[in-house]
């Protein structure tokens, strides 16, 4: 396991990935910390390296950049 700067909390929050020139991608936040998150996505097609993660329930709009990608998951660091 990697050493993290801040602890991650397991969650299941509905969210969406928003970016200029593209349609929003619905996703689910699976882990959340002060510095980043793990996001479950239906597809990575068209998801750019930098985007805004919107979590409506928490009224959050978090600018992100992708740290790693797996088939249906993206790890992001908050900017």
PDB file of N, CA and C in Angstrom:
ATOM      1  N   UNK A   1       0.848  -1.195   0.000  1.00  0.00           N
ATOM      2  CA  UNK A   1       0.000   0.000   0.000  1.00  0.00           C
ATOM      3  C   UNK A   1       0.884   1.246   0.000  1.00  0.00           C
ATOM      4  N   UNK A   2       0.432   2.237  -0.738  1.00  0.00           N
ATOM      5  CA  UNK A   2       1.181   3.492  -0.787  1.00  0.00           C
ATOM      6  C   UNK A   2       0.943   4.287   0.490  1.00  0.00           C
ATOM      7  N   UNK A   3       1.928   5.054   0.864  1.00  0.00           N
ATOM      8  CA  UNK A   3       1.768   5.957   1.994  1.00  0.00           C
ATOM      9  C   UNK A   3       1.102   7.222   1.467  1.00  0.00           C
ATOM     10  N   UNK A   4       0.030   7.609   2.106  1.00  0.00           N
ATOM     11  CA  UNK A   4      -0.705   8.787   1.649  1.00  0.00           C
ATOM     12  C   UNK A   4      -0.488   9.947   2.609  1.00  0.00           C
ATOM     13  N   UNK A   5      -0.591  11.145   2.067  1.00  0.00           N
ATOM     14  CA  UNK A   5      -0.412  12.350   2.875  1.00  0.00           C
ATOM     15  C   UNK A   5      -1.572  12.471   3.867  1.00  0.00           C
ATOM     16  N   UNK A   6      -2.771  12.179   3.407  1.00  0.00           N
ATOM     17  CA  UNK A   6      -3.953  12.248   4.272  1.00  0.00           C
ATOM     18  C   UNK A   6      -4.731  10.950   4.123  1.00  0.00           C
ATOM     19  N   UNK A   7      -5.435  10.533   5.187  1.00  0.00           N
ATOM     20  CA  UNK A   7      -6.181   9.272   5.096  1.00  0.00           C
ATOM     21  C   UNK A   7      -7.326   9.366   4.093  1.00  0.00           C
ATOM     22  N   UNK A   8      -7.604   8.246   3.436  1.00  0.00           N
ATOM     23  CA  UNK A   8      -8.726   8.197   2.511  1.00  0.00           C
ATOM     24  C   UNK A   8      -9.920   7.578   3.207  1.00  0.00           C
ATOM     25  N   UNK A   9     -11.095   8.064   2.871  1.00  0.00           N
ATOM     26  CA  UNK A   9     -12.331   7.561   3.455  1.00  0.00           C
ATOM     27  C   UNK A   9     -13.146   6.895   2.366  1.00  0.00           C
ATOM     28  N   UNK A  10     -13.609   5.681   2.632  1.00  0.00           N
ATOM     29  CA  UNK A  10     -14.445   4.976   1.658  1.00  0.00           C
ATOM     30  C   UNK A  10     -15.817   5.637   1.602  1.00  0.00           C
ATOM     31  N   UNK A  11     -16.233   5.953   0.395  1.00  0.00           N
ATOM     32  CA  UNK A  11     -17.543   6.588   0.203  1.00  0.00           C
ATOM     33  C   UNK A  11     -18.180   5.990  -1.050  1.00  0.00           C
ATOM     34  N   UNK A  12     -19.416   6.361  -1.296  1.00  0.00           N
ATOM     35  CA  UNK A  12     -20.086   6.013  -2.550  1.00  0.00           C
ATOM     36  C   UNK A  12     -20.965   7.210  -2.891  1.00  0.00           C
ATOM     37  N   UNK A  13     -20.341   8.215  -3.486  1.00  0.00           N
ATOM     38  CA  UNK A  13     -21.047   9.463  -3.788  1.00  0.00           C
ATOM     39  C   UNK A  13     -21.215   9.627  -5.281  1.00  0.00           C
ATOM     40  N   UNK A  14     -22.431   9.946  -5.680  1.00  0.00           N
ATOM     41  CA  UNK A  14     -22.687  10.250  -7.092  1.00  0.00           C
ATOM     42  C   UNK A  14     -21.961  11.538  -7.441  1.00  0.00           C
ATOM     43  N   UNK A  15     -21.322  11.537  -8.609  1.00  0.00           N
ATOM     44  CA  UNK A  15     -20.565  12.717  -9.023  1.00  0.00           C
ATOM     45  C   UNK A  15     -20.538  12.761 -10.539  1.00  0.00           C
ATOM     46  N   UNK A  16     -19.915  13.814 -11.061  1.00  0.00           N
ATOM     47  CA  UNK A  16     -19.710  13.872 -12.502  1.00  0.00           C
ATOM     48  C   UNK A  16     -18.421  14.600 -12.809  1.00  0.00           C
ATOM     49  N   UNK A  17     -17.857  14.208 -13.958  1.00  0.00           N
ATOM     50  CA  UNK A  17     -16.627  14.791 -14.464  1.00  0.00           C
ATOM     51  C   UNK A  17     -17.032  15.832 -15.502  1.00  0.00           C
ATOM     52  N   UNK A  18     -16.599  17.069 -15.300  1.00  0.00           N
ATOM     53  CA  UNK A  18     -16.936  18.143 -16.237  1.00  0.00           C
ATOM     54  C   UNK A  18     -15.651  18.750 -16.791  1.00  0.00           C
ATOM     55  N   UNK A  19     -15.696  19.087 -18.082  1.00  0.00           N
ATOM     56  CA  UNK A  19     -14.538  19.724 -18.714  1.00  0.00           C
ATOM     57  C   UNK A  19     -15.013  20.483 -19.942  1.00  0.00           C
ATOM     58  N   UNK A  20     -14.214  21.449 -20.366  1.00  0.00           N
ATOM     59  CA  UNK A  20     -14.554  22.275 -21.517  1.00  0.00           C
ATOM     60  C   UNK A  20     -14.622  21.435 -22.786  1.00  0.00           C
ATOM     61  N   UNK A  21     -15.636  21.684 -23.584  1.00  0.00           N
ATOM     62  CA  UNK A  21     -15.717  21.046 -24.888  1.00  0.00           C
ATOM     63  C   UNK A  21     -16.176  19.604 -24.859  1.00  0.00           C
ATOM     64  N   UNK A  22     -16.639  19.120 -23.708  1.00  0.00           N
ATOM     65  CA  UNK A  22     -17.104  17.737 -23.653  1.00  0.00           C
ATOM     66  C   UNK A  22     -18.362  17.617 -22.828  1.00  0.00           C
ATOM     67  N   UNK A  23     -19.068  16.508 -23.016  1.00  0.00           N
ATOM     68  CA  UNK A  23     -20.268  16.321 -22.194  1.00  0.00           C
ATOM     69  C   UNK A  23     -19.867  15.679 -20.874  1.00  0.00           C
ATOM     70  N   UNK A  24     -20.603  16.009 -19.793  1.00  0.00           N
ATOM     71  CA  UNK A  24     -20.257  15.474 -18.477  1.00  0.00           C
ATOM     72  C   UNK A  24     -20.300  13.947 -18.451  1.00  0.00           C
ATOM     73  N   UNK A  25     -19.421  13.350 -17.663  1.00  0.00           N
ATOM     74  CA  UNK A  25     -19.375  11.903 -17.491  1.00  0.00           C
ATOM     75  C   UNK A  25     -19.826  11.604 -16.060  1.00  0.00           C
ATOM     76  N   UNK A  26     -20.916  10.854 -15.917  1.00  0.00           N
ATOM     77  CA  UNK A  26     -21.363  10.468 -14.579  1.00  0.00           C
ATOM     78  C   UNK A  26     -20.393   9.447 -14.007  1.00  0.00           C
ATOM     79  N   UNK A  27     -20.151   9.542 -12.705  1.00  0.00           N
ATOM     80  CA  UNK A  27     -19.205   8.651 -12.059  1.00  0.00           C
ATOM     81  C   UNK A  27     -19.581   8.492 -10.595  1.00  0.00           C
ATOM     82  N   UNK A  28     -18.844   7.644  -9.887  1.00  0.00           N
ATOM     83  CA  UNK A  28     -19.061   7.444  -8.453  1.00  0.00           C
ATOM     84  C   UNK A  28     -17.720   7.614  -7.751  1.00  0.00           C
ATOM     85  N   UNK A  29     -17.699   8.463  -6.722  1.00  0.00           N
ATOM     86  CA  UNK A  29     -16.492   8.624  -5.921  1.00  0.00           C
ATOM     87  C   UNK A  29     -16.457   7.471  -4.919  1.00  0.00           C
ATOM     88  N   UNK A  30     -15.363   6.700  -4.936  1.00  0.00           N
ATOM     89  CA  UNK A  30     -15.227   5.524  -4.070  1.00  0.00           C
ATOM     90  C   UNK A  30     -14.348   5.771  -2.853  1.00  0.00           C
ATOM     91  N   UNK A  31     -13.336   6.623  -3.000  1.00  0.00           N
ATOM     92  CA  UNK A  31     -12.450   7.014  -1.899  1.00  0.00           C
ATOM     93  C   UNK A  31     -12.290   8.514  -1.984  1.00  0.00           C
ATOM     94  N   UNK A  32     -12.221   9.153  -0.827  1.00  0.00           N
ATOM     95  CA  UNK A  32     -12.090  10.601  -0.826  1.00  0.00           C
ATOM     96  C   UNK A  32     -11.152  11.018   0.300  1.00  0.00           C
ATOM     97  N   UNK A  33     -10.222  11.920  -0.018  1.00  0.00           N
ATOM     98  CA  UNK A  33      -9.357  12.505   1.015  1.00  0.00           C
ATOM     99  C   UNK A  33      -9.249  13.993   0.725  1.00  0.00           C
ATOM    100  N   UNK A  34      -8.474  14.679   1.537  1.00  0.00           N
ATOM    101  CA  UNK A  34      -8.301  16.119   1.305  1.00  0.00           C
ATOM    102  C   UNK A  34      -7.480  16.388   0.053  1.00  0.00           C
ATOM    103  N   UNK A  35      -6.691  15.411  -0.383  1.00  0.00           N
ATOM    104  CA  UNK A  35      -5.769  15.651  -1.498  1.00  0.00           C
ATOM    105  C   UNK A  35      -6.153  14.948  -2.796  1.00  0.00           C
ATOM    106  N   UNK A  36      -7.110  14.012  -2.725  1.00  0.00           N
ATOM    107  CA  UNK A  36      -7.464  13.298  -3.948  1.00  0.00           C
ATOM    108  C   UNK A  36      -8.617  12.344  -3.759  1.00  0.00           C
ATOM    109  N   UNK A  37      -8.887  11.560  -4.809  1.00  0.00           N
ATOM    110  CA  UNK A  37     -10.018  10.642  -4.784  1.00  0.00           C
ATOM    111  C   UNK A  37      -9.805   9.502  -5.762  1.00  0.00           C
ATOM    112  N   UNK A  38     -10.541   8.418  -5.522  1.00  0.00           N
ATOM    113  CA  UNK A  38     -10.624   7.331  -6.498  1.00  0.00           C
ATOM    114  C   UNK A  38     -12.038   7.367  -7.052  1.00  0.00           C
ATOM    115  N   UNK A  39     -12.132   7.402  -8.384  1.00  0.00           N
ATOM    116  CA  UNK A  39     -13.419   7.557  -9.052  1.00  0.00           C
ATOM    117  C   UNK A  39     -13.694   6.334  -9.913  1.00  0.00           C
ATOM    118  N   UNK A  40     -14.914   5.825  -9.814  1.00  0.00           N
ATOM    119  CA  UNK A  40     -15.339   4.716 -10.670  1.00  0.00           C
ATOM    120  C   UNK A  40     -16.080   5.312 -11.866  1.00  0.00           C
ATOM    121  N   UNK A  41     -15.646   4.946 -13.066  1.00  0.00           N
ATOM    122  CA  UNK A  41     -16.229   5.499 -14.292  1.00  0.00           C
ATOM    123  C   UNK A  41     -16.756   4.369 -15.181  1.00  0.00           C
ATOM    124  N   UNK A  42     -17.837   4.642 -15.954  1.00  0.00           N
ATOM    125  CA  UNK A  42     -18.342   3.625 -16.882  1.00  0.00           C
ATOM    126  C   UNK A  42     -17.389   3.431 -18.058  1.00  0.00           C
ATOM    127  N   UNK A  43     -16.713   4.497 -18.441  1.00  0.00           N
ATOM    128  CA  UNK A  43     -15.753   4.446 -19.541  1.00  0.00           C
ATOM    129  C   UNK A  43     -14.762   5.576 -19.355  1.00  0.00           C
ATOM    130  N   UNK A  44     -13.541   5.380 -19.839  1.00  0.00           N
ATOM    131  CA  UNK A  44     -12.561   6.468 -19.780  1.00  0.00           C
ATOM    132  C   UNK A  44     -12.483   7.207 -21.100  1.00  0.00           C
ATOM    133  N   UNK A  45     -13.297   6.788 -22.050  1.00  0.00           N
ATOM    134  CA  UNK A  45     -13.265   7.427 -23.364  1.00  0.00           C
ATOM    135  C   UNK A  45     -13.576   8.906 -23.207  1.00  0.00           C
ATOM    136  N   UNK A  46     -12.660   9.742 -23.664  1.00  0.00           N
ATOM    137  CA  UNK A  46     -12.911  11.177 -23.659  1.00  0.00           C
ATOM    138  C   UNK A  46     -12.671  11.886 -22.349  1.00  0.00           C
ATOM    139  N   UNK A  47     -12.181  11.178 -21.310  1.00  0.00           N
ATOM    140  CA  UNK A  47     -11.894  11.870 -20.049  1.00  0.00           C
ATOM    141  C   UNK A  47     -10.482  12.452 -20.141  1.00  0.00           C
ATOM    142  N   UNK A  48     -10.368  13.794 -20.093  1.00  0.00           N
ATOM    143  CA  UNK A  48      -9.049  14.423 -20.235  1.00  0.00           C
ATOM    144  C   UNK A  48      -8.222  14.318 -18.950  1.00  0.00           C
ATOM    145  N   UNK A  49      -6.961  14.713 -19.062  1.00  0.00           N
ATOM    146  CA  UNK A  49      -6.028  14.621 -17.946  1.00  0.00           C
ATOM    147  C   UNK A  49      -6.428  15.542 -16.785  1.00  0.00           C
ATOM    148  N   UNK A  50      -7.003  16.686 -17.115  1.00  0.00           N
ATOM    149  CA  UNK A  50      -7.454  17.631 -16.088  1.00  0.00           C
ATOM    150  C   UNK A  50      -8.939  17.915 -16.273  1.00  0.00           C
ATOM    151  N   UNK A  51      -9.672  17.966 -15.178  1.00  0.00           N
ATOM    152  CA  UNK A  51     -11.114  18.207 -15.253  1.00  0.00           C
ATOM    153  C   UNK A  51     -11.619  18.696 -13.903  1.00  0.00           C
ATOM    154  N   UNK A  52     -12.910  19.011 -13.822  1.00  0.00           N
ATOM    155  CA  UNK A  52     -13.532  19.401 -12.559  1.00  0.00           C
ATOM    156  C   UNK A  52     -14.428  18.245 -12.104  1.00  0.00           C
ATOM    157  N   UNK A  53     -14.195  17.789 -10.878  1.00  0.00           N
ATOM    158  CA  UNK A  53     -15.037  16.758 -10.283  1.00  0.00           C
ATOM    159  C   UNK A  53     -16.150  17.461  -9.512  1.00  0.00           C
ATOM    160  N   UNK A  54     -17.397  17.194  -9.897  1.00  0.00           N
ATOM    161  CA  UNK A  54     -18.551  17.831  -9.258  1.00  0.00           C
ATOM    162  C   UNK A  54     -19.246  16.792  -8.383  1.00  0.00           C
ATOM    163  N   UNK A  55     -19.382  17.106  -7.090  1.00  0.00           N
ATOM    164  CA  UNK A  55     -20.104  16.236  -6.153  1.00  0.00           C
ATOM    165  C   UNK A  55     -21.309  17.034  -5.649  1.00  0.00           C
ATOM    166  N   UNK A  56     -22.467  16.874  -6.313  1.00  0.00           N
ATOM    167  CA  UNK A  56     -23.635  17.712  -6.008  1.00  0.00           C
ATOM    168  C   UNK A  56     -24.093  17.632  -4.550  1.00  0.00           C
ATOM    169  N   UNK A  57     -24.081  16.439  -3.952  1.00  0.00           N
ATOM    170  CA  UNK A  57     -24.563  16.293  -2.571  1.00  0.00           C
ATOM    171  C   UNK A  57     -23.775  17.161  -1.592  1.00  0.00           C
ATOM    172  N   UNK A  58     -22.492  17.343  -1.866  1.00  0.00           N
ATOM    173  CA  UNK A  58     -21.637  18.127  -0.976  1.00  0.00           C
ATOM    174  C   UNK A  58     -21.407  19.541  -1.506  1.00  0.00           C
ATOM    175  N   UNK A  59     -22.041  19.865  -2.629  1.00  0.00           N
ATOM    176  CA  UNK A  59     -21.874  21.168  -3.276  1.00  0.00           C
ATOM    177  C   UNK A  59     -20.399  21.467  -3.533  1.00  0.00           C
ATOM    178  N   UNK A  60     -19.683  20.455  -4.014  1.00  0.00           N
ATOM    179  CA  UNK A  60     -18.256  20.603  -4.285  1.00  0.00           C
ATOM    180  C   UNK A  60     -17.977  20.634  -5.781  1.00  0.00           C
ATOM    181  N   UNK A  61     -17.030  21.488  -6.156  1.00  0.00           N
ATOM    182  CA  UNK A  61     -16.482  21.528  -7.520  1.00  0.00           C
ATOM    183  C   UNK A  61     -14.970  21.526  -7.365  1.00  0.00           C
ATOM    184  N   UNK A  62     -14.341  20.387  -7.634  1.00  0.00           N
ATOM    185  CA  UNK A  62     -12.925  20.205  -7.329  1.00  0.00           C
ATOM    186  C   UNK A  62     -12.097  20.051  -8.598  1.00  0.00           C
ATOM    187  N   UNK A  63     -11.227  21.018  -8.897  1.00  0.00           N
ATOM    188  CA  UNK A  63     -10.325  20.856 -10.038  1.00  0.00           C
ATOM    189  C   UNK A  63      -9.354  19.699  -9.764  1.00  0.00           C
ATOM    190  N   UNK A  64      -9.210  18.812 -10.740  1.00  0.00           N
ATOM    191  CA  UNK A  64      -8.403  17.599 -10.566  1.00  0.00           C
ATOM    192  C   UNK A  64      -7.460  17.397 -11.730  1.00  0.00           C
ATOM    193  N   UNK A  65      -6.424  16.582 -11.449  1.00  0.00           N
ATOM    194  CA  UNK A  65      -5.644  16.007 -12.545  1.00  0.00           C
ATOM    195  C   UNK A  65      -5.505  14.520 -12.264  1.00  0.00           C
ATOM    196  N   UNK A  66      -5.450  13.739 -13.317  1.00  0.00           N
ATOM    197  CA  UNK A  66      -5.399  12.294 -13.178  1.00  0.00           C
ATOM    198  C   UNK A  66      -3.998  11.859 -12.750  1.00  0.00           C
ATOM    199  N   UNK A  67      -3.935  11.038 -11.687  1.00  0.00           N
ATOM    200  CA  UNK A  67      -2.668  10.497 -11.195  1.00  0.00           C
ATOM    201  C   UNK A  67      -2.439   9.100 -11.771  1.00  0.00           C
ATOM    202  N   UNK A  68      -3.519   8.314 -11.916  1.00  0.00           N
ATOM    203  CA  UNK A  68      -3.417   6.973 -12.499  1.00  0.00           C
ATOM    204  C   UNK A  68      -4.768   6.569 -13.076  1.00  0.00           C
ATOM    205  N   UNK A  69      -4.733   5.587 -13.963  1.00  0.00           N
ATOM    206  CA  UNK A  69      -5.958   5.073 -14.584  1.00  0.00           C
ATOM    207  C   UNK A  69      -5.920   3.551 -14.591  1.00  0.00           C
ATOM    208  N   UNK A  70      -7.056   2.941 -14.298  1.00  0.00           N
ATOM    209  CA  UNK A  70      -7.267   1.514 -14.522  1.00  0.00           C
ATOM    210  C   UNK A  70      -8.503   1.411 -15.406  1.00  0.00           C
ATOM    211  N   UNK A  71      -8.933   0.195 -15.686  1.00  0.00           N
ATOM    212  CA  UNK A  71     -10.015   0.061 -16.659  1.00  0.00           C
ATOM    213  C   UNK A  71     -11.256   0.881 -16.307  1.00  0.00           C
ATOM    214  N   UNK A  72     -11.774   0.704 -15.093  1.00  0.00           N
ATOM    215  CA  UNK A  72     -12.980   1.431 -14.710  1.00  0.00           C
ATOM    216  C   UNK A  72     -12.753   2.364 -13.529  1.00  0.00           C
ATOM    217  N   UNK A  73     -11.508   2.703 -13.272  1.00  0.00           N
ATOM    218  CA  UNK A  73     -11.202   3.582 -12.156  1.00  0.00           C
ATOM    219  C   UNK A  73     -10.176   4.623 -12.557  1.00  0.00           C
ATOM    220  N   UNK A  74     -10.295   5.788 -11.932  1.00  0.00           N
ATOM    221  CA  UNK A  74      -9.333   6.869 -12.129  1.00  0.00           C
ATOM    222  C   UNK A  74      -8.940   7.362 -10.751  1.00  0.00           C
ATOM    223  N   UNK A  75      -7.631   7.529 -10.526  1.00  0.00           N
ATOM    224  CA  UNK A  75      -7.155   8.167  -9.307  1.00  0.00           C
ATOM    225  C   UNK A  75      -6.814   9.609  -9.631  1.00  0.00           C
ATOM    226  N   UNK A  76      -7.328  10.536  -8.840  1.00  0.00           N
ATOM    227  CA  UNK A  76      -7.063  11.949  -9.119  1.00  0.00           C
ATOM    228  C   UNK A  76      -6.442  12.640  -7.921  1.00  0.00           C
ATOM    229  N   UNK A  77      -5.654  13.656  -8.221  1.00  0.00           N
ATOM    230  CA  UNK A  77      -5.115  14.562  -7.206  1.00  0.00           C
ATOM    231  C   UNK A  77      -5.836  15.894  -7.385  1.00  0.00           C
ATOM    232  N   UNK A  78      -6.249  16.497  -6.282  1.00  0.00           N
ATOM    233  CA  UNK A  78      -6.903  17.791  -6.362  1.00  0.00           C
ATOM    234  C   UNK A  78      -5.852  18.868  -6.574  1.00  0.00           C
ATOM    235  N   UNK A  79      -6.177  19.822  -7.440  1.00  0.00           N
ATOM    236  CA  UNK A  79      -5.230  20.902  -7.767  1.00  0.00           C
ATOM    237  C   UNK A  79      -5.292  21.997  -6.706  1.00  0.00           C
TER     238      UNK A  79
END
